[in-house]
N, C-alpha and C. Protein backbone atom coordinates (compact mmCIF):
# COMPACT_ATOMS: atom_id res chain seq x y z
N MET A 1 51.37 -22.88 34.33
CA MET A 1 51.66 -21.84 33.36
C MET A 1 51.87 -22.48 31.98
N MET A 2 51.26 -21.90 30.99
CA MET A 2 51.36 -22.41 29.63
C MET A 2 52.62 -21.83 28.97
N GLN A 3 53.43 -22.69 28.39
CA GLN A 3 54.64 -22.22 27.72
C GLN A 3 54.36 -21.88 26.26
N THR A 4 55.15 -20.97 25.75
CA THR A 4 55.07 -20.63 24.34
C THR A 4 55.88 -21.67 23.56
N PRO A 5 55.65 -21.79 22.26
CA PRO A 5 56.49 -22.69 21.46
C PRO A 5 57.98 -22.38 21.59
N ARG A 6 58.31 -21.11 21.68
CA ARG A 6 59.71 -20.73 21.83
C ARG A 6 60.29 -21.27 23.15
N GLU A 7 59.52 -21.19 24.23
CA GLU A 7 59.98 -21.73 25.52
C GLU A 7 60.11 -23.24 25.47
N LEU A 8 59.18 -23.89 24.79
CA LEU A 8 59.25 -25.35 24.65
C LEU A 8 60.47 -25.75 23.81
N ASN A 9 60.75 -25.00 22.76
CA ASN A 9 61.95 -25.27 21.95
C ASN A 9 63.19 -25.17 22.82
N HIS A 10 63.24 -24.17 23.68
CA HIS A 10 64.39 -23.99 24.57
C HIS A 10 64.52 -25.20 25.51
N LEU A 11 63.40 -25.65 26.06
CA LEU A 11 63.45 -26.82 26.94
C LEU A 11 64.00 -28.04 26.20
N LEU A 12 63.53 -28.26 24.98
CA LEU A 12 64.00 -29.40 24.19
C LEU A 12 65.50 -29.31 23.92
N ARG A 13 65.96 -28.13 23.56
CA ARG A 13 67.38 -27.95 23.27
C ARG A 13 68.24 -28.12 24.52
N GLN A 14 67.66 -27.92 25.68
CA GLN A 14 68.37 -28.11 26.95
C GLN A 14 68.31 -29.56 27.42
N GLY A 15 67.68 -30.43 26.64
CA GLY A 15 67.63 -31.84 27.00
C GLY A 15 66.48 -32.20 27.92
N LYS A 16 65.46 -31.37 27.98
CA LYS A 16 64.30 -31.64 28.82
C LYS A 16 63.28 -32.47 28.05
N LEU A 17 62.42 -33.13 28.79
CA LEU A 17 61.32 -33.89 28.21
C LEU A 17 60.06 -33.03 28.27
N ILE A 18 59.25 -33.10 27.23
CA ILE A 18 57.98 -32.37 27.23
C ILE A 18 56.85 -33.34 26.94
N GLY A 19 55.65 -32.95 27.31
CA GLY A 19 54.45 -33.70 26.96
C GLY A 19 53.93 -33.21 25.62
N LEU A 20 53.36 -34.11 24.88
CA LEU A 20 52.85 -33.76 23.56
C LEU A 20 51.55 -34.54 23.37
N ALA A 21 50.53 -33.87 22.88
CA ALA A 21 49.25 -34.55 22.64
C ALA A 21 48.79 -34.27 21.22
N ASP A 22 48.38 -35.33 20.54
CA ASP A 22 47.86 -35.18 19.19
C ASP A 22 46.79 -36.23 18.95
N GLU A 23 46.55 -36.56 17.70
CA GLU A 23 45.48 -37.49 17.35
C GLU A 23 45.66 -38.89 17.93
N THR A 24 46.88 -39.25 18.30
CA THR A 24 47.13 -40.60 18.84
C THR A 24 47.17 -40.62 20.36
N GLY A 25 46.92 -39.49 21.01
CA GLY A 25 46.93 -39.44 22.46
C GLY A 25 48.17 -38.74 23.00
N PHE A 26 48.49 -39.07 24.24
CA PHE A 26 49.59 -38.42 24.94
C PHE A 26 50.91 -39.13 24.66
N SER A 27 51.97 -38.32 24.48
CA SER A 27 53.33 -38.83 24.30
C SER A 27 54.28 -37.98 25.12
N VAL A 28 55.44 -38.54 25.42
CA VAL A 28 56.54 -37.77 25.98
C VAL A 28 57.55 -37.61 24.86
N ALA A 29 58.09 -36.39 24.71
CA ALA A 29 58.96 -36.09 23.58
C ALA A 29 60.27 -35.47 24.04
N CYS A 30 61.30 -35.66 23.21
CA CYS A 30 62.60 -35.04 23.46
C CYS A 30 63.30 -34.79 22.13
N ASP A 31 64.42 -34.09 22.21
CA ASP A 31 65.26 -33.86 21.04
C ASP A 31 65.93 -35.20 20.70
N PRO A 32 65.81 -35.68 19.47
CA PRO A 32 66.35 -37.00 19.12
C PRO A 32 67.87 -37.08 19.10
N LEU A 33 68.55 -35.94 19.16
CA LEU A 33 70.02 -35.93 19.15
C LEU A 33 70.63 -35.73 20.53
N HIS A 34 69.82 -35.44 21.52
CA HIS A 34 70.32 -35.15 22.86
C HIS A 34 70.45 -36.46 23.64
N ASP A 35 71.70 -36.95 23.78
CA ASP A 35 71.94 -38.27 24.39
C ASP A 35 71.29 -38.43 25.77
N GLU A 36 71.44 -37.43 26.61
CA GLU A 36 70.91 -37.53 27.98
C GLU A 36 69.38 -37.61 27.96
N ALA A 37 68.75 -36.77 27.13
CA ALA A 37 67.28 -36.78 27.05
C ALA A 37 66.78 -38.11 26.49
N VAL A 38 67.45 -38.61 25.46
CA VAL A 38 67.06 -39.90 24.87
C VAL A 38 67.22 -41.00 25.92
N GLY A 39 68.29 -40.96 26.69
CA GLY A 39 68.49 -41.93 27.76
C GLY A 39 67.37 -41.89 28.79
N ARG A 40 66.93 -40.70 29.16
CA ARG A 40 65.82 -40.57 30.12
C ARG A 40 64.53 -41.11 29.52
N LEU A 41 64.31 -40.84 28.24
CA LEU A 41 63.11 -41.33 27.59
C LEU A 41 63.10 -42.86 27.55
N LEU A 42 64.22 -43.46 27.20
CA LEU A 42 64.31 -44.92 27.16
C LEU A 42 64.22 -45.53 28.56
N GLN A 43 64.73 -44.82 29.57
CA GLN A 43 64.59 -45.29 30.95
C GLN A 43 63.12 -45.26 31.37
N LEU A 44 62.41 -44.22 30.95
CA LEU A 44 60.96 -44.14 31.24
C LEU A 44 60.25 -45.33 30.60
N GLN A 45 60.61 -45.65 29.39
CA GLN A 45 60.02 -46.81 28.71
C GLN A 45 60.26 -48.07 29.54
N PHE A 46 61.47 -48.26 30.02
CA PHE A 46 61.81 -49.43 30.83
C PHE A 46 61.03 -49.41 32.15
N ASP A 47 61.00 -48.26 32.81
CA ASP A 47 60.31 -48.14 34.10
C ASP A 47 58.82 -48.40 33.99
N MET A 48 58.23 -48.01 32.88
CA MET A 48 56.79 -48.20 32.68
C MET A 48 56.44 -49.67 32.44
N GLY A 49 57.42 -50.43 31.99
CA GLY A 49 57.16 -51.84 31.73
C GLY A 49 56.29 -52.08 30.51
N HIS A 50 56.07 -51.04 29.73
CA HIS A 50 55.27 -51.17 28.51
C HIS A 50 56.18 -51.40 27.33
N ILE A 51 55.63 -52.03 26.34
CA ILE A 51 56.36 -52.15 25.10
C ILE A 51 55.88 -51.00 24.22
N LEU A 52 56.55 -49.86 24.41
CA LEU A 52 56.23 -48.67 23.64
C LEU A 52 57.31 -48.49 22.59
N LEU A 53 56.92 -48.12 21.42
CA LEU A 53 57.86 -47.98 20.32
C LEU A 53 58.33 -46.53 20.22
N PRO A 54 59.59 -46.25 20.59
CA PRO A 54 60.09 -44.89 20.41
C PRO A 54 59.96 -44.51 18.94
N THR A 55 59.33 -43.36 18.71
CA THR A 55 58.97 -42.96 17.35
C THR A 55 59.39 -41.53 17.09
N ILE A 56 59.99 -41.31 15.93
CA ILE A 56 60.30 -39.95 15.50
C ILE A 56 59.01 -39.37 14.92
N LEU A 57 58.58 -38.27 15.49
CA LEU A 57 57.38 -37.57 15.00
C LEU A 57 57.86 -36.43 14.11
N VAL A 58 57.38 -36.41 12.87
CA VAL A 58 57.83 -35.41 11.91
C VAL A 58 56.67 -34.52 11.47
N GLN A 59 57.05 -33.37 10.92
CA GLN A 59 56.08 -32.41 10.41
C GLN A 59 55.50 -32.86 9.08
N ASP A 60 56.37 -33.37 8.22
CA ASP A 60 55.94 -33.77 6.88
C ASP A 60 56.89 -34.85 6.35
N ALA A 61 56.55 -35.39 5.21
CA ALA A 61 57.32 -36.49 4.65
C ALA A 61 58.73 -36.09 4.25
N PHE A 62 58.97 -34.81 4.01
CA PHE A 62 60.32 -34.38 3.64
C PHE A 62 61.30 -34.61 4.78
N GLN A 63 60.83 -34.57 6.03
CA GLN A 63 61.71 -34.80 7.17
C GLN A 63 62.07 -36.28 7.33
N VAL A 64 61.34 -37.16 6.72
CA VAL A 64 61.60 -38.60 6.87
C VAL A 64 63.02 -38.93 6.40
N GLY A 65 63.43 -38.41 5.27
CA GLY A 65 64.75 -38.69 4.72
C GLY A 65 65.89 -38.27 5.64
N VAL A 66 65.62 -37.34 6.53
CA VAL A 66 66.64 -36.91 7.49
C VAL A 66 66.99 -38.04 8.46
N TYR A 67 66.03 -38.92 8.73
CA TYR A 67 66.19 -39.94 9.78
C TYR A 67 66.34 -41.36 9.26
N VAL A 68 66.19 -41.57 7.96
CA VAL A 68 66.25 -42.92 7.40
C VAL A 68 67.54 -43.05 6.60
N LEU A 69 68.35 -44.07 6.94
CA LEU A 69 69.64 -44.27 6.30
C LEU A 69 69.49 -44.56 4.81
N LYS A 70 68.64 -45.52 4.47
CA LYS A 70 68.38 -45.86 3.07
C LYS A 70 66.87 -45.88 2.87
N MET A 71 66.40 -44.92 2.10
CA MET A 71 64.96 -44.73 1.93
C MET A 71 64.42 -45.55 0.76
N PRO A 72 63.51 -46.50 1.04
CA PRO A 72 62.84 -47.20 -0.07
C PRO A 72 62.04 -46.18 -0.88
N GLU A 73 61.91 -46.42 -2.16
CA GLU A 73 61.23 -45.47 -3.04
C GLU A 73 59.83 -45.12 -2.55
N VAL A 74 59.11 -46.09 -2.04
CA VAL A 74 57.73 -45.87 -1.63
C VAL A 74 57.62 -45.23 -0.24
N GLY A 75 58.71 -45.17 0.50
CA GLY A 75 58.69 -44.68 1.88
C GLY A 75 58.16 -43.27 2.03
N HIS A 76 58.64 -42.38 1.20
CA HIS A 76 58.20 -40.98 1.25
C HIS A 76 56.70 -40.88 1.02
N ASP A 77 56.21 -41.59 0.01
CA ASP A 77 54.79 -41.52 -0.34
C ASP A 77 53.90 -42.09 0.76
N LEU A 78 54.32 -43.19 1.37
CA LEU A 78 53.52 -43.77 2.45
C LEU A 78 53.29 -42.77 3.57
N VAL A 79 54.33 -42.07 3.96
CA VAL A 79 54.21 -41.11 5.05
C VAL A 79 53.43 -39.88 4.58
N GLU A 80 53.73 -39.41 3.39
CA GLU A 80 53.10 -38.18 2.90
C GLU A 80 51.59 -38.32 2.72
N PHE A 81 51.14 -39.45 2.19
CA PHE A 81 49.74 -39.58 1.84
C PHE A 81 48.90 -40.30 2.89
N ALA A 82 49.46 -40.58 4.04
CA ALA A 82 48.70 -41.22 5.12
C ALA A 82 47.62 -40.25 5.60
N ARG A 83 46.40 -40.69 5.62
CA ARG A 83 45.28 -39.87 6.10
C ARG A 83 44.84 -40.30 7.49
N LYS A 84 45.34 -41.43 7.92
CA LYS A 84 45.14 -41.92 9.28
C LYS A 84 46.53 -42.05 9.89
N PRO A 85 46.63 -42.04 11.22
CA PRO A 85 47.95 -42.20 11.83
C PRO A 85 48.63 -43.49 11.36
N LEU A 86 49.86 -43.35 10.89
CA LEU A 86 50.63 -44.49 10.39
C LEU A 86 52.07 -44.35 10.85
N THR A 87 52.54 -45.35 11.57
CA THR A 87 53.95 -45.41 11.96
C THR A 87 54.63 -46.38 11.01
N VAL A 88 55.70 -45.92 10.38
CA VAL A 88 56.46 -46.75 9.45
C VAL A 88 57.82 -47.04 10.09
N ILE A 89 58.17 -48.31 10.15
CA ILE A 89 59.47 -48.72 10.68
C ILE A 89 60.39 -48.99 9.49
N PHE A 90 61.49 -48.24 9.45
CA PHE A 90 62.47 -48.38 8.38
C PHE A 90 63.67 -49.18 8.90
N ASP A 91 64.43 -49.78 7.97
CA ASP A 91 65.53 -50.67 8.33
C ASP A 91 66.61 -50.05 9.20
N ALA A 92 66.99 -48.82 8.93
CA ALA A 92 68.11 -48.23 9.68
C ALA A 92 67.91 -46.73 9.80
N GLY A 93 68.25 -46.22 10.98
CA GLY A 93 68.10 -44.80 11.24
C GLY A 93 69.42 -44.05 11.18
N LYS A 94 69.30 -42.73 11.15
CA LYS A 94 70.47 -41.84 11.19
C LYS A 94 70.02 -40.52 11.79
N ASN A 95 70.98 -39.69 12.14
CA ASN A 95 70.73 -38.36 12.69
C ASN A 95 69.90 -38.39 13.96
N VAL A 96 70.12 -39.43 14.75
CA VAL A 96 69.53 -39.52 16.09
C VAL A 96 70.65 -39.94 17.04
N SER A 97 70.38 -39.83 18.32
CA SER A 97 71.37 -40.20 19.33
C SER A 97 71.81 -41.66 19.16
N GLN A 98 73.09 -41.88 19.36
CA GLN A 98 73.62 -43.24 19.32
C GLN A 98 72.98 -44.10 20.42
N VAL A 99 72.56 -43.46 21.49
CA VAL A 99 71.88 -44.16 22.58
C VAL A 99 70.63 -44.87 22.05
N LEU A 100 69.91 -44.21 21.17
CA LEU A 100 68.72 -44.81 20.56
C LEU A 100 69.11 -45.90 19.56
N LEU A 101 70.08 -45.61 18.71
CA LEU A 101 70.47 -46.57 17.68
C LEU A 101 71.06 -47.85 18.28
N ASP A 102 71.73 -47.74 19.44
CA ASP A 102 72.28 -48.93 20.08
C ASP A 102 71.17 -49.88 20.51
N LYS A 103 70.02 -49.34 20.89
CA LYS A 103 68.91 -50.17 21.34
C LYS A 103 67.94 -50.50 20.22
N TYR A 104 67.77 -49.56 19.30
CA TYR A 104 66.82 -49.72 18.19
C TYR A 104 67.51 -49.37 16.87
N PRO A 105 68.14 -50.34 16.20
CA PRO A 105 68.79 -50.02 14.93
C PRO A 105 67.77 -49.61 13.85
N GLU A 106 66.55 -50.14 13.94
CA GLU A 106 65.50 -49.69 13.04
C GLU A 106 64.98 -48.35 13.56
N ILE A 107 64.30 -47.61 12.71
CA ILE A 107 63.77 -46.32 13.12
C ILE A 107 62.29 -46.23 12.77
N ALA A 108 61.47 -45.90 13.76
CA ALA A 108 60.03 -45.74 13.56
C ALA A 108 59.73 -44.26 13.37
N ILE A 109 58.91 -43.95 12.36
CA ILE A 109 58.59 -42.57 12.05
C ILE A 109 57.10 -42.44 11.79
N ARG A 110 56.54 -41.36 12.34
CA ARG A 110 55.12 -41.05 12.09
C ARG A 110 54.99 -39.56 11.83
N LYS A 111 54.20 -39.21 10.83
CA LYS A 111 53.89 -37.81 10.56
C LYS A 111 52.68 -37.43 11.39
N SER A 112 52.80 -36.36 12.16
CA SER A 112 51.65 -35.88 12.92
C SER A 112 50.61 -35.35 11.94
N LEU A 113 49.35 -35.61 12.24
CA LEU A 113 48.26 -35.12 11.41
C LEU A 113 47.58 -33.90 12.04
N THR A 114 48.07 -33.47 13.21
CA THR A 114 47.51 -32.34 13.93
C THR A 114 48.24 -31.06 13.51
N PRO A 115 47.53 -30.10 12.91
CA PRO A 115 48.20 -28.89 12.41
C PRO A 115 49.04 -28.16 13.45
N ASP A 116 48.57 -28.01 14.69
CA ASP A 116 49.36 -27.31 15.72
C ASP A 116 50.67 -28.03 16.01
N ILE A 117 50.65 -29.34 16.04
CA ILE A 117 51.87 -30.11 16.30
C ILE A 117 52.79 -30.04 15.08
N GLN A 118 52.23 -30.12 13.88
CA GLN A 118 53.05 -29.96 12.67
C GLN A 118 53.75 -28.60 12.68
N HIS A 119 53.01 -27.57 13.03
CA HIS A 119 53.58 -26.22 13.08
C HIS A 119 54.69 -26.13 14.13
N PHE A 120 54.47 -26.74 15.29
CA PHE A 120 55.47 -26.72 16.35
C PHE A 120 56.75 -27.43 15.90
N ILE A 121 56.60 -28.61 15.30
CA ILE A 121 57.77 -29.36 14.83
C ILE A 121 58.50 -28.56 13.74
N GLY A 122 57.74 -27.92 12.86
CA GLY A 122 58.36 -27.09 11.84
C GLY A 122 59.16 -25.95 12.44
N GLY A 123 58.64 -25.35 13.49
CA GLY A 123 59.35 -24.27 14.17
C GLY A 123 60.58 -24.76 14.90
N TYR A 124 60.54 -26.01 15.37
CA TYR A 124 61.70 -26.58 16.05
C TYR A 124 62.80 -26.92 15.04
N GLY A 125 62.40 -27.23 13.83
CA GLY A 125 63.37 -27.45 12.76
C GLY A 125 63.80 -28.89 12.57
N LYS A 126 63.28 -29.78 13.38
CA LYS A 126 63.58 -31.20 13.21
C LYS A 126 62.50 -32.01 13.91
N GLY A 127 62.51 -33.30 13.66
CA GLY A 127 61.54 -34.17 14.29
C GLY A 127 61.78 -34.29 15.79
N LEU A 128 60.82 -34.89 16.47
CA LEU A 128 60.92 -35.14 17.91
C LEU A 128 60.90 -36.63 18.16
N LEU A 129 61.73 -37.09 19.08
CA LEU A 129 61.65 -38.47 19.49
C LEU A 129 60.56 -38.56 20.54
N THR A 130 59.58 -39.42 20.31
CA THR A 130 58.46 -39.54 21.23
C THR A 130 58.33 -40.96 21.76
N LEU A 131 57.75 -41.04 22.92
CA LEU A 131 57.34 -42.30 23.50
C LEU A 131 55.82 -42.23 23.55
N PRO A 132 55.13 -42.83 22.58
CA PRO A 132 53.67 -42.69 22.48
C PRO A 132 52.94 -43.64 23.43
N PHE A 133 52.19 -43.05 24.35
CA PHE A 133 51.43 -43.85 25.31
C PHE A 133 50.05 -44.22 24.79
N GLU A 134 49.55 -43.47 23.81
CA GLU A 134 48.25 -43.72 23.19
C GLU A 134 47.12 -43.73 24.22
N VAL A 135 47.20 -42.82 25.18
CA VAL A 135 46.16 -42.65 26.20
C VAL A 135 45.79 -41.18 26.26
N SER A 136 44.66 -40.88 26.90
CA SER A 136 44.18 -39.50 26.92
C SER A 136 44.79 -38.66 28.05
N MET A 137 45.29 -39.29 29.08
CA MET A 137 45.88 -38.57 30.22
C MET A 137 47.32 -39.00 30.41
N PRO A 138 48.19 -38.06 30.81
CA PRO A 138 49.59 -38.45 31.05
C PRO A 138 49.68 -39.46 32.19
N PRO A 139 50.40 -40.55 32.00
CA PRO A 139 50.60 -41.50 33.10
C PRO A 139 51.30 -40.80 34.27
N LYS A 140 50.98 -41.23 35.48
CA LYS A 140 51.56 -40.59 36.67
C LYS A 140 53.09 -40.60 36.65
N GLN A 141 53.69 -41.65 36.12
CA GLN A 141 55.15 -41.75 36.08
C GLN A 141 55.79 -40.64 35.24
N THR A 142 55.02 -39.99 34.37
CA THR A 142 55.58 -38.97 33.50
C THR A 142 55.50 -37.57 34.10
N GLN A 143 54.63 -37.38 35.08
CA GLN A 143 54.34 -36.03 35.56
C GLN A 143 55.55 -35.31 36.14
N ASP A 144 56.44 -36.01 36.82
CA ASP A 144 57.63 -35.36 37.38
C ASP A 144 58.75 -35.21 36.36
N LEU A 145 58.62 -35.88 35.22
CA LEU A 145 59.69 -35.85 34.22
C LEU A 145 59.52 -34.78 33.17
N ILE A 146 58.26 -34.45 32.86
CA ILE A 146 58.04 -33.48 31.79
C ILE A 146 58.04 -32.05 32.35
N GLU A 147 58.59 -31.16 31.56
CA GLU A 147 58.74 -29.78 32.02
C GLU A 147 57.92 -28.80 31.20
N GLY A 148 57.12 -29.28 30.33
CA GLY A 148 56.26 -28.43 29.52
C GLY A 148 55.41 -29.31 28.64
N GLY A 149 54.56 -28.70 27.87
CA GLY A 149 53.72 -29.50 27.00
C GLY A 149 53.03 -28.68 25.94
N ILE A 150 52.55 -29.39 24.95
CA ILE A 150 51.83 -28.76 23.84
C ILE A 150 50.79 -29.74 23.31
N GLY A 151 49.68 -29.18 22.83
CA GLY A 151 48.64 -29.97 22.19
C GLY A 151 47.56 -30.42 23.14
N GLN A 152 46.50 -30.92 22.54
CA GLN A 152 45.38 -31.45 23.29
C GLN A 152 45.00 -32.81 22.72
N VAL A 153 44.69 -33.73 23.62
CA VAL A 153 44.23 -35.03 23.18
C VAL A 153 42.81 -34.87 22.67
N LEU A 154 42.53 -35.43 21.52
CA LEU A 154 41.20 -35.36 20.95
C LEU A 154 40.27 -36.32 21.69
N ASN A 155 38.98 -36.13 21.51
CA ASN A 155 38.00 -37.00 22.16
C ASN A 155 38.18 -38.45 21.77
N THR A 156 38.55 -38.67 20.53
CA THR A 156 38.75 -40.02 20.05
C THR A 156 40.22 -40.22 19.70
N ILE A 157 40.87 -41.08 20.44
CA ILE A 157 42.27 -41.39 20.16
C ILE A 157 42.32 -42.40 19.02
N LYS A 158 43.18 -42.13 18.05
CA LYS A 158 43.34 -43.04 16.91
C LYS A 158 44.71 -43.70 17.04
N LYS A 159 44.72 -44.96 17.41
CA LYS A 159 45.99 -45.66 17.47
C LYS A 159 46.52 -45.84 16.05
N PRO A 160 47.80 -45.53 15.87
CA PRO A 160 48.34 -45.63 14.51
C PRO A 160 48.49 -47.07 14.04
N GLU A 161 48.30 -47.25 12.75
CA GLU A 161 48.70 -48.52 12.16
C GLU A 161 50.22 -48.53 12.20
N ILE A 162 50.81 -49.71 12.33
CA ILE A 162 52.27 -49.82 12.36
C ILE A 162 52.68 -50.81 11.28
N MET A 163 53.59 -50.36 10.43
CA MET A 163 54.07 -51.25 9.37
C MET A 163 55.58 -51.17 9.29
N ARG A 164 56.19 -52.26 8.92
CA ARG A 164 57.63 -52.32 8.67
C ARG A 164 57.81 -52.29 7.15
N LEU A 165 58.71 -51.41 6.71
CA LEU A 165 58.97 -51.26 5.28
C LEU A 165 60.41 -51.64 5.01
N GLY A 166 60.59 -52.70 4.22
CA GLY A 166 61.93 -53.16 3.87
C GLY A 166 62.57 -52.28 2.82
N LEU A 167 63.85 -52.43 2.67
CA LEU A 167 64.64 -51.60 1.76
C LEU A 167 64.15 -51.69 0.31
N HIS A 168 63.60 -52.86 -0.06
CA HIS A 168 63.14 -53.06 -1.44
C HIS A 168 61.62 -52.97 -1.54
N GLY A 169 60.99 -52.30 -0.55
CA GLY A 169 59.55 -52.09 -0.59
C GLY A 169 58.71 -53.19 0.02
N GLN A 170 59.32 -54.18 0.67
CA GLN A 170 58.55 -55.22 1.33
C GLN A 170 57.77 -54.60 2.49
N VAL A 171 56.52 -55.01 2.61
CA VAL A 171 55.65 -54.44 3.65
C VAL A 171 55.18 -55.54 4.59
N GLU A 172 55.28 -55.24 5.88
CA GLU A 172 54.75 -56.16 6.90
C GLU A 172 53.95 -55.31 7.89
N PHE A 173 52.65 -55.59 8.00
CA PHE A 173 51.83 -54.86 8.96
C PHE A 173 51.99 -55.49 10.34
N ILE A 174 52.33 -54.68 11.31
CA ILE A 174 52.46 -55.12 12.69
C ILE A 174 51.18 -54.88 13.45
N ARG A 175 50.53 -53.76 13.13
CA ARG A 175 49.22 -53.46 13.74
C ARG A 175 48.39 -52.72 12.71
N ARG A 176 47.19 -53.21 12.51
CA ARG A 176 46.25 -52.56 11.58
C ARG A 176 45.14 -51.91 12.36
């Protein structure tokens, strides 16, 4: 059964994990402030044995400031004007579960480029914490954990570039 965005919002607010598909492939998502959900997401990361970067997925660059403790001047523009998937790692996060901050003091953020996902995030009212698998099909380990889903994986998955942005605008590309 296909859930409506309203039903998916309810699942997220209840601490459930959902599947999400966009231009970068399949991800598992949760509410970034729900400690129990964030714990399950990080446990999934550990169980999978992959080095997956938990990433806040936002609707637009205006949401970036909600999650970054100290925003470098260029940070907003990098996210706003990205035409290809770009994950930016900032020095320190805020407004997320302490469970996440204890393990990852830095915060990774990516703006979705898929209109349906942007609209969904906008309707939810805040970003989503995602575990991006960057594959076209949900891994078997995720099937019993997710309780709903949204989006479709495109024919061509675009792995995001990943860059670290220092407080004074220093840039380090981790993946191009």
